[in-house]
Amino acid sequence: MLMQVGGEGTRPTFFEMSATEHLPTSLRDALLYFLGVMAQRRPVLHRVLDYSDEGYAALMLLLELHSLKTLDASFPESLYGLRQTQQ
């Protein structure tokens, strides 16, 4: 169960929970849009777009590993200030 860090035991809101679930897909869409726009200026980036799924997976792996190593929370949890409680 996720709890807010500074919330004195209050539960996170529906919007915080929804945001943590939708963050990875939003990041993927933003990355693909960015690469698409940049590929219009630099045609060599079209090759990068061919491997966008692998690049996104590698990026998320690095983000999650860094976040788990430094903050003991997943990337969306650390971004929104949530933590998991022990039951």
PDB file of N, CA and C in Angstrom:
ATOM      1  N   MET A   1       0.849  -1.165   0.000  1.00  0.00           N
ATOM      2  CA  MET A   1       0.000   0.000   0.000  1.00  0.00           C
ATOM      3  C   MET A   1       0.898   1.233   0.000  1.00  0.00           C
ATOM      4  N   LEU A   2       0.530   2.222  -0.769  1.00  0.00           N
ATOM      5  CA  LEU A   2       1.310   3.452  -0.864  1.00  0.00           C
ATOM      6  C   LEU A   2       0.786   4.481   0.129  1.00  0.00           C
ATOM      7  N   MET A   3       1.686   5.185   0.754  1.00  0.00           N
ATOM      8  CA  MET A   3       1.333   6.251   1.691  1.00  0.00           C
ATOM      9  C   MET A   3       2.134   7.493   1.327  1.00  0.00           C
ATOM     10  N   GLN A   4       1.605   8.655   1.677  1.00  0.00           N
ATOM     11  CA  GLN A   4       2.350   9.884   1.453  1.00  0.00           C
ATOM     12  C   GLN A   4       3.458   9.990   2.487  1.00  0.00           C
ATOM     13  N   VAL A   5       4.567  10.562   2.072  1.00  0.00           N
ATOM     14  CA  VAL A   5       5.711  10.674   2.971  1.00  0.00           C
ATOM     15  C   VAL A   5       5.415  11.632   4.113  1.00  0.00           C
ATOM     16  N   GLY A   6       4.906  12.792   3.834  1.00  0.00           N
ATOM     17  CA  GLY A   6       4.665  13.773   4.873  1.00  0.00           C
ATOM     18  C   GLY A   6       3.229  13.811   5.339  1.00  0.00           C
ATOM     19  N   GLY A   7       2.458  12.784   5.084  1.00  0.00           N
ATOM     20  CA  GLY A   7       1.029  12.850   5.297  1.00  0.00           C
ATOM     21  C   GLY A   7       0.522  12.317   6.614  1.00  0.00           C
ATOM     22  N   GLU A   8       1.370  11.986   7.558  1.00  0.00           N
ATOM     23  CA  GLU A   8       0.933  11.500   8.862  1.00  0.00           C
ATOM     24  C   GLU A   8      -0.021  10.312   8.729  1.00  0.00           C
ATOM     25  N   GLY A   9       0.291   9.383   7.843  1.00  0.00           N
ATOM     26  CA  GLY A   9      -0.498   8.180   7.703  1.00  0.00           C
ATOM     27  C   GLY A   9      -1.728   8.314   6.826  1.00  0.00           C
ATOM     28  N   THR A  10      -1.905   9.424   6.147  1.00  0.00           N
ATOM     29  CA  THR A  10      -3.043   9.565   5.244  1.00  0.00           C
ATOM     30  C   THR A  10      -2.750   8.838   3.951  1.00  0.00           C
ATOM     31  N   ARG A  11      -3.805   8.415   3.301  1.00  0.00           N
ATOM     32  CA  ARG A  11      -3.645   7.701   2.038  1.00  0.00           C
ATOM     33  C   ARG A  11      -3.497   8.697   0.894  1.00  0.00           C
ATOM     34  N   PRO A  12      -2.800   8.281  -0.163  1.00  0.00           N
ATOM     35  CA  PRO A  12      -2.681   9.171  -1.321  1.00  0.00           C
ATOM     36  C   PRO A  12      -4.036   9.327  -2.012  1.00  0.00           C
ATOM     37  N   THR A  13      -4.183  10.405  -2.716  1.00  0.00           N
ATOM     38  CA  THR A  13      -5.432  10.661  -3.419  1.00  0.00           C
ATOM     39  C   THR A  13      -5.517   9.782  -4.667  1.00  0.00           C
ATOM     40  N   PHE A  14      -6.707   9.714  -5.217  1.00  0.00           N
ATOM     41  CA  PHE A  14      -6.926   8.962  -6.446  1.00  0.00           C
ATOM     42  C   PHE A  14      -6.055   9.504  -7.566  1.00  0.00           C
ATOM     43  N   PHE A  15      -5.905  10.802  -7.619  1.00  0.00           N
ATOM     44  CA  PHE A  15      -5.134  11.427  -8.688  1.00  0.00           C
ATOM     45  C   PHE A  15      -3.648  11.103  -8.576  1.00  0.00           C
ATOM     46  N   GLU A  16      -3.123  11.014  -7.365  1.00  0.00           N
ATOM     47  CA  GLU A  16      -1.724  10.623  -7.183  1.00  0.00           C
ATOM     48  C   GLU A  16      -1.510   9.176  -7.608  1.00  0.00           C
ATOM     49  N   MET A  17      -2.436   8.308  -7.256  1.00  0.00           N
ATOM     50  CA  MET A  17      -2.326   6.906  -7.645  1.00  0.00           C
ATOM     51  C   MET A  17      -2.439   6.761  -9.166  1.00  0.00           C
ATOM     52  N   SER A  18      -3.357   7.496  -9.761  1.00  0.00           N
ATOM     53  CA  SER A  18      -3.529   7.444 -11.209  1.00  0.00           C
ATOM     54  C   SER A  18      -2.283   7.981 -11.916  1.00  0.00           C
ATOM     55  N   ALA A  19      -1.717   9.032 -11.384  1.00  0.00           N
ATOM     56  CA  ALA A  19      -0.523   9.624 -11.991  1.00  0.00           C
ATOM     57  C   ALA A  19       0.658   8.658 -11.927  1.00  0.00           C
ATOM     58  N   THR A  20       0.821   7.935 -10.825  1.00  0.00           N
ATOM     59  CA  THR A  20       1.932   6.988 -10.723  1.00  0.00           C
ATOM     60  C   THR A  20       1.763   5.830 -11.702  1.00  0.00           C
ATOM     61  N   GLU A  21       0.522   5.453 -11.983  1.00  0.00           N
ATOM     62  CA  GLU A  21       0.289   4.353 -12.918  1.00  0.00           C
ATOM     63  C   GLU A  21       0.475   4.782 -14.372  1.00  0.00           C
ATOM     64  N   HIS A  22       0.162   6.035 -14.678  1.00  0.00           N
ATOM     65  CA  HIS A  22       0.217   6.503 -16.059  1.00  0.00           C
ATOM     66  C   HIS A  22       1.534   7.192 -16.419  1.00  0.00           C
ATOM     67  N   LEU A  23       2.402   7.402 -15.477  1.00  0.00           N
ATOM     68  CA  LEU A  23       3.661   8.097 -15.752  1.00  0.00           C
ATOM     69  C   LEU A  23       4.533   7.377 -16.785  1.00  0.00           C
ATOM     70  N   PRO A  24       4.743   6.060 -16.676  1.00  0.00           N
ATOM     71  CA  PRO A  24       5.611   5.409 -17.686  1.00  0.00           C
ATOM     72  C   PRO A  24       5.087   5.539 -19.111  1.00  0.00           C
ATOM     73  N   THR A  25       3.795   5.414 -19.323  1.00  0.00           N
ATOM     74  CA  THR A  25       3.272   5.550 -20.684  1.00  0.00           C
ATOM     75  C   THR A  25       3.368   6.990 -21.166  1.00  0.00           C
ATOM     76  N   SER A  26       3.184   7.932 -20.261  1.00  0.00           N
ATOM     77  CA  SER A  26       3.317   9.336 -20.640  1.00  0.00           C
ATOM     78  C   SER A  26       4.756   9.667 -21.010  1.00  0.00           C
ATOM     79  N   LEU A  27       5.707   9.120 -20.265  1.00  0.00           N
ATOM     80  CA  LEU A  27       7.116   9.340 -20.593  1.00  0.00           C
ATOM     81  C   LEU A  27       7.465   8.733 -21.950  1.00  0.00           C
ATOM     82  N   ARG A  28       6.920   7.554 -22.237  1.00  0.00           N
ATOM     83  CA  ARG A  28       7.179   6.907 -23.521  1.00  0.00           C
ATOM     84  C   ARG A  28       6.629   7.760 -24.668  1.00  0.00           C
ATOM     85  N   ASP A  29       5.403   8.250 -24.509  1.00  0.00           N
ATOM     86  CA  ASP A  29       4.813   9.092 -25.547  1.00  0.00           C
ATOM     87  C   ASP A  29       5.613  10.375 -25.750  1.00  0.00           C
ATOM     88  N   ALA A  30       6.064  10.974 -24.657  1.00  0.00           N
ATOM     89  CA  ALA A  30       6.850  12.203 -24.757  1.00  0.00           C
ATOM     90  C   ALA A  30       8.185  11.944 -25.445  1.00  0.00           C
ATOM     91  N   LEU A  31       8.814  10.821 -25.120  1.00  0.00           N
ATOM     92  CA  LEU A  31      10.092  10.476 -25.749  1.00  0.00           C
ATOM     93  C   LEU A  31       9.919  10.232 -27.246  1.00  0.00           C
ATOM     94  N   LEU A  32       8.863   9.513 -27.629  1.00  0.00           N
ATOM     95  CA  LEU A  32       8.618   9.259 -29.047  1.00  0.00           C
ATOM     96  C   LEU A  32       8.307  10.545 -29.804  1.00  0.00           C
ATOM     97  N   TYR A  33       7.553  11.442 -29.205  1.00  0.00           N
ATOM     98  CA  TYR A  33       7.256  12.722 -29.851  1.00  0.00           C
ATOM     99  C   TYR A  33       8.534  13.529 -30.038  1.00  0.00           C
ATOM    100  N   PHE A  34       9.348  13.580 -28.994  1.00  0.00           N
ATOM    101  CA  PHE A  34      10.607  14.315 -29.071  1.00  0.00           C
ATOM    102  C   PHE A  34      11.503  13.756 -30.167  1.00  0.00           C
ATOM    103  N   LEU A  35      11.627  12.430 -30.208  1.00  0.00           N
ATOM    104  CA  LEU A  35      12.473  11.820 -31.238  1.00  0.00           C
ATOM    105  C   LEU A  35      11.897  12.041 -32.635  1.00  0.00           C
ATOM    106  N   GLY A  36      10.561  12.034 -32.754  1.00  0.00           N
ATOM    107  CA  GLY A  36       9.937  12.287 -34.051  1.00  0.00           C
ATOM    108  C   GLY A  36      10.204  13.692 -34.553  1.00  0.00           C
ATOM    109  N   VAL A  37      10.122  14.663 -33.661  1.00  0.00           N
ATOM    110  CA  VAL A  37      10.393  16.053 -34.040  1.00  0.00           C
ATOM    111  C   VAL A  37      11.865  16.231 -34.404  1.00  0.00           C
ATOM    112  N   MET A  38      12.739  15.640 -33.601  1.00  0.00           N
ATOM    113  CA  MET A  38      14.168  15.755 -33.893  1.00  0.00           C
ATOM    114  C   MET A  38      14.554  15.025 -35.180  1.00  0.00           C
ATOM    115  N   ALA A  39      13.841  13.937 -35.491  1.00  0.00           N
ATOM    116  CA  ALA A  39      14.133  13.186 -36.716  1.00  0.00           C
ATOM    117  C   ALA A  39      13.759  13.981 -37.958  1.00  0.00           C
ATOM    118  N   GLN A  40      12.834  14.911 -37.826  1.00  0.00           N
ATOM    119  CA  GLN A  40      12.505  15.760 -38.966  1.00  0.00           C
ATOM    120  C   GLN A  40      13.667  16.690 -39.303  1.00  0.00           C
ATOM    121  N   ARG A  41      14.414  17.084 -38.289  1.00  0.00           N
ATOM    122  CA  ARG A  41      15.562  17.966 -38.517  1.00  0.00           C
ATOM    123  C   ARG A  41      16.819  17.190 -38.875  1.00  0.00           C
ATOM    124  N   ARG A  42      16.988  16.048 -38.262  1.00  0.00           N
ATOM    125  CA  ARG A  42      18.163  15.212 -38.474  1.00  0.00           C
ATOM    126  C   ARG A  42      17.707  13.833 -38.946  1.00  0.00           C
ATOM    127  N   PRO A  43      17.743  13.575 -40.232  1.00  0.00           N
ATOM    128  CA  PRO A  43      17.239  12.307 -40.770  1.00  0.00           C
ATOM    129  C   PRO A  43      17.934  11.065 -40.216  1.00  0.00           C
ATOM    130  N   VAL A  44      19.145  11.212 -39.700  1.00  0.00           N
ATOM    131  CA  VAL A  44      19.846  10.046 -39.160  1.00  0.00           C
ATOM    132  C   VAL A  44      19.125   9.497 -37.921  1.00  0.00           C
ATOM    133  N   LEU A  45      18.307  10.309 -37.282  1.00  0.00           N
ATOM    134  CA  LEU A  45      17.574   9.867 -36.091  1.00  0.00           C
ATOM    135  C   LEU A  45      16.417   8.926 -36.422  1.00  0.00           C
ATOM    136  N   HIS A  46      16.082   8.782 -37.686  1.00  0.00           N
ATOM    137  CA  HIS A  46      15.044   7.814 -38.051  1.00  0.00           C
ATOM    138  C   HIS A  46      15.483   6.399 -37.686  1.00  0.00           C
ATOM    139  N   ARG A  47      16.777   6.157 -37.700  1.00  0.00           N
ATOM    140  CA  ARG A  47      17.289   4.846 -37.272  1.00  0.00           C
ATOM    141  C   ARG A  47      17.062   4.646 -35.787  1.00  0.00           C
ATOM    142  N   VAL A  48      17.168   5.706 -35.017  1.00  0.00           N
ATOM    143  CA  VAL A  48      16.919   5.617 -33.577  1.00  0.00           C
ATOM    144  C   VAL A  48      15.449   5.301 -33.321  1.00  0.00           C
ATOM    145  N   LEU A  49      14.561   5.861 -34.122  1.00  0.00           N
ATOM    146  CA  LEU A  49      13.131   5.590 -33.967  1.00  0.00           C
ATOM    147  C   LEU A  49      12.801   4.127 -34.223  1.00  0.00           C
ATOM    148  N   ASP A  50      13.596   3.455 -35.040  1.00  0.00           N
ATOM    149  CA  ASP A  50      13.370   2.028 -35.277  1.00  0.00           C
ATOM    150  C   ASP A  50      13.579   1.206 -34.014  1.00  0.00           C
ATOM    151  N   TYR A  51      14.398   1.695 -33.110  1.00  0.00           N
ATOM    152  CA  TYR A  51      14.697   0.984 -31.868  1.00  0.00           C
ATOM    153  C   TYR A  51      14.158   1.739 -30.653  1.00  0.00           C
ATOM    154  N   SER A  52      13.057   2.428 -30.827  1.00  0.00           N
ATOM    155  CA  SER A  52      12.533   3.251 -29.741  1.00  0.00           C
ATOM    156  C   SER A  52      12.047   2.421 -28.555  1.00  0.00           C
ATOM    157  N   ASP A  53      11.488   1.243 -28.807  1.00  0.00           N
ATOM    158  CA  ASP A  53      11.026   0.401 -27.700  1.00  0.00           C
ATOM    159  C   ASP A  53      12.192  -0.064 -26.836  1.00  0.00           C
ATOM    160  N   GLU A  54      13.270  -0.472 -27.481  1.00  0.00           N
ATOM    161  CA  GLU A  54      14.440  -0.917 -26.734  1.00  0.00           C
ATOM    162  C   GLU A  54      15.085   0.244 -25.976  1.00  0.00           C
ATOM    163  N   GLY A  55      15.137   1.414 -26.625  1.00  0.00           N
ATOM    164  CA  GLY A  55      15.700   2.590 -25.957  1.00  0.00           C
ATOM    165  C   GLY A  55      14.877   3.017 -24.767  1.00  0.00           C
ATOM    166  N   TYR A  56      13.552   2.955 -24.913  1.00  0.00           N
ATOM    167  CA  TYR A  56      12.672   3.307 -23.792  1.00  0.00           C
ATOM    168  C   TYR A  56      12.846   2.315 -22.642  1.00  0.00           C
ATOM    169  N   ALA A  57      12.947   1.037 -22.959  1.00  0.00           N
ATOM    170  CA  ALA A  57      13.136   0.035 -21.910  1.00  0.00           C
ATOM    171  C   ALA A  57      14.457   0.253 -21.173  1.00  0.00           C
ATOM    172  N   ALA A  58      15.503   0.583 -21.904  1.00  0.00           N
ATOM    173  CA  ALA A  58      16.797   0.853 -21.278  1.00  0.00           C
ATOM    174  C   ALA A  58      16.739   2.107 -20.410  1.00  0.00           C
ATOM    175  N   LEU A  59      16.066   3.151 -20.901  1.00  0.00           N
ATOM    176  CA  LEU A  59      15.918   4.377 -20.119  1.00  0.00           C
ATOM    177  C   LEU A  59      15.150   4.122 -18.825  1.00  0.00           C
ATOM    178  N   MET A  60      14.048   3.379 -18.919  1.00  0.00           N
ATOM    179  CA  MET A  60      13.263   3.077 -17.714  1.00  0.00           C
ATOM    180  C   MET A  60      14.041   2.189 -16.749  1.00  0.00           C
ATOM    181  N   LEU A  61      14.843   1.274 -17.284  1.00  0.00           N
ATOM    182  CA  LEU A  61      15.682   0.437 -16.426  1.00  0.00           C
ATOM    183  C   LEU A  61      16.661   1.294 -15.636  1.00  0.00           C
ATOM    184  N   LEU A  62      17.303   2.232 -16.320  1.00  0.00           N
ATOM    185  CA  LEU A  62      18.254   3.110 -15.635  1.00  0.00           C
ATOM    186  C   LEU A  62      17.558   4.000 -14.603  1.00  0.00           C
ATOM    187  N   LEU A  63      16.405   4.559 -14.963  1.00  0.00           N
ATOM    188  CA  LEU A  63      15.665   5.399 -14.019  1.00  0.00           C
ATOM    189  C   LEU A  63      15.220   4.615 -12.783  1.00  0.00           C
ATOM    190  N   GLU A  64      14.694   3.423 -13.004  1.00  0.00           N
ATOM    191  CA  GLU A  64      14.218   2.609 -11.884  1.00  0.00           C
ATOM    192  C   GLU A  64      15.376   2.156 -10.996  1.00  0.00           C
ATOM    193  N   LEU A  65      16.468   1.714 -11.606  1.00  0.00           N
ATOM    194  CA  LEU A  65      17.620   1.286 -10.805  1.00  0.00           C
ATOM    195  C   LEU A  65      18.176   2.430  -9.971  1.00  0.00           C
ATOM    196  N   HIS A  66      18.313   3.595 -10.582  1.00  0.00           N
ATOM    197  CA  HIS A  66      18.819   4.748  -9.846  1.00  0.00           C
ATOM    198  C   HIS A  66      17.874   5.134  -8.706  1.00  0.00           C
ATOM    199  N   SER A  67      16.598   5.149  -9.004  1.00  0.00           N
ATOM    200  CA  SER A  67      15.620   5.534  -7.994  1.00  0.00           C
ATOM    201  C   SER A  67      15.568   4.521  -6.859  1.00  0.00           C
ATOM    202  N   LEU A  68      15.596   3.231  -7.183  1.00  0.00           N
ATOM    203  CA  LEU A  68      15.570   2.208  -6.137  1.00  0.00           C
ATOM    204  C   LEU A  68      16.843   2.226  -5.309  1.00  0.00           C
ATOM    205  N   LYS A  69      17.960   2.513  -5.952  1.00  0.00           N
ATOM    206  CA  LYS A  69      19.243   2.526  -5.244  1.00  0.00           C
ATOM    207  C   LYS A  69      19.362   3.724  -4.311  1.00  0.00           C
ATOM    208  N   THR A  70      18.943   4.887  -4.750  1.00  0.00           N
ATOM    209  CA  THR A  70      19.149   6.099  -3.966  1.00  0.00           C
ATOM    210  C   THR A  70      17.982   6.435  -3.040  1.00  0.00           C
ATOM    211  N   LEU A  71      16.742   6.130  -3.448  1.00  0.00           N
ATOM    212  CA  LEU A  71      15.583   6.573  -2.687  1.00  0.00           C
ATOM    213  C   LEU A  71      14.727   5.446  -2.126  1.00  0.00           C
ATOM    214  N   ASP A  72      15.066   4.197  -2.423  1.00  0.00           N
ATOM    215  CA  ASP A  72      14.286   3.037  -1.981  1.00  0.00           C
ATOM    216  C   ASP A  72      12.828   3.130  -2.398  1.00  0.00           C
ATOM    217  N   ALA A  73      12.576   3.618  -3.579  1.00  0.00           N
ATOM    218  CA  ALA A  73      11.220   3.711  -4.122  1.00  0.00           C
ATOM    219  C   ALA A  73      11.315   3.664  -5.640  1.00  0.00           C
ATOM    220  N   SER A  74      10.221   3.264  -6.285  1.00  0.00           N
ATOM    221  CA  SER A  74      10.224   3.276  -7.741  1.00  0.00           C
ATOM    222  C   SER A  74      10.243   4.723  -8.228  1.00  0.00           C
ATOM    223  N   PHE A  75      10.511   4.908  -9.513  1.00  0.00           N
ATOM    224  CA  PHE A  75      10.614   6.261 -10.057  1.00  0.00           C
ATOM    225  C   PHE A  75       9.332   7.073  -9.876  1.00  0.00           C
ATOM    226  N   PRO A  76       8.150   6.542 -10.238  1.00  0.00           N
ATOM    227  CA  PRO A  76       6.929   7.349 -10.023  1.00  0.00           C
ATOM    228  C   PRO A  76       6.656   7.628  -8.544  1.00  0.00           C
ATOM    229  N   GLU A  77       6.940   6.658  -7.681  1.00  0.00           N
ATOM    230  CA  GLU A  77       6.722   6.868  -6.249  1.00  0.00           C
ATOM    231  C   GLU A  77       7.622   7.976  -5.714  1.00  0.00           C
ATOM    232  N   SER A  78       8.877   7.965  -6.121  1.00  0.00           N
ATOM    233  CA  SER A  78       9.796   8.997  -5.638  1.00  0.00           C
ATOM    234  C   SER A  78       9.457  10.356  -6.232  1.00  0.00           C
ATOM    235  N   LEU A  79       8.974  10.382  -7.467  1.00  0.00           N
ATOM    236  CA  LEU A  79       8.622  11.641  -8.108  1.00  0.00           C
ATOM    237  C   LEU A  79       7.441  12.313  -7.415  1.00  0.00           C
ATOM    238  N   TYR A  80       6.456  11.518  -7.009  1.00  0.00           N
ATOM    239  CA  TYR A  80       5.264  12.063  -6.370  1.00  0.00           C
ATOM    240  C   TYR A  80       5.340  12.041  -4.845  1.00  0.00           C
ATOM    241  N   GLY A  81       6.451  11.620  -4.279  1.00  0.00           N
ATOM    242  CA  GLY A  81       6.626  11.651  -2.834  1.00  0.00           C
ATOM    243  C   GLY A  81       5.826  10.597  -2.100  1.00  0.00           C
ATOM    244  N   LEU A  82       5.646   9.442  -2.705  1.00  0.00           N
ATOM    245  CA  LEU A  82       4.917   8.356  -2.070  1.00  0.00           C
ATOM    246  C   LEU A  82       5.909   7.300  -1.602  1.00  0.00           C
ATOM    247  N   ARG A  83       5.485   6.495  -0.660  1.00  0.00           N
ATOM    248  CA  ARG A  83       6.332   5.389  -0.211  1.00  0.00           C
ATOM    249  C   ARG A  83       5.432   4.209   0.118  1.00  0.00           C
ATOM    250  N   GLN A  84       6.010   3.011   0.084  1.00  0.00           N
ATOM    251  CA  GLN A  84       5.243   1.821   0.415  1.00  0.00           C
ATOM    252  C   GLN A  84       5.400   1.533   1.893  1.00  0.00           C
ATOM    253  N   THR A  85       4.315   1.146   2.530  1.00  0.00           N
ATOM    254  CA  THR A  85       4.361   0.826   3.962  1.00  0.00           C
ATOM    255  C   THR A  85       4.494  -0.673   4.141  1.00  0.00           C
ATOM    256  N   GLN A  86       5.082  -1.065   5.231  1.00  0.00           N
ATOM    257  CA  GLN A  86       5.224  -2.479   5.583  1.00  0.00           C
ATOM    258  C   GLN A  86       3.985  -2.916   6.337  1.00  0.00           C
ATOM    259  N   GLN A  87       3.432  -4.052   5.944  1.00  0.00           N
ATOM    260  CA  GLN A  87       2.256  -4.574   6.660  1.00  0.00           C
ATOM    261  C   GLN A  87       2.531  -5.944   7.183  1.00  0.00           C
TER     262      GLN A  87
END
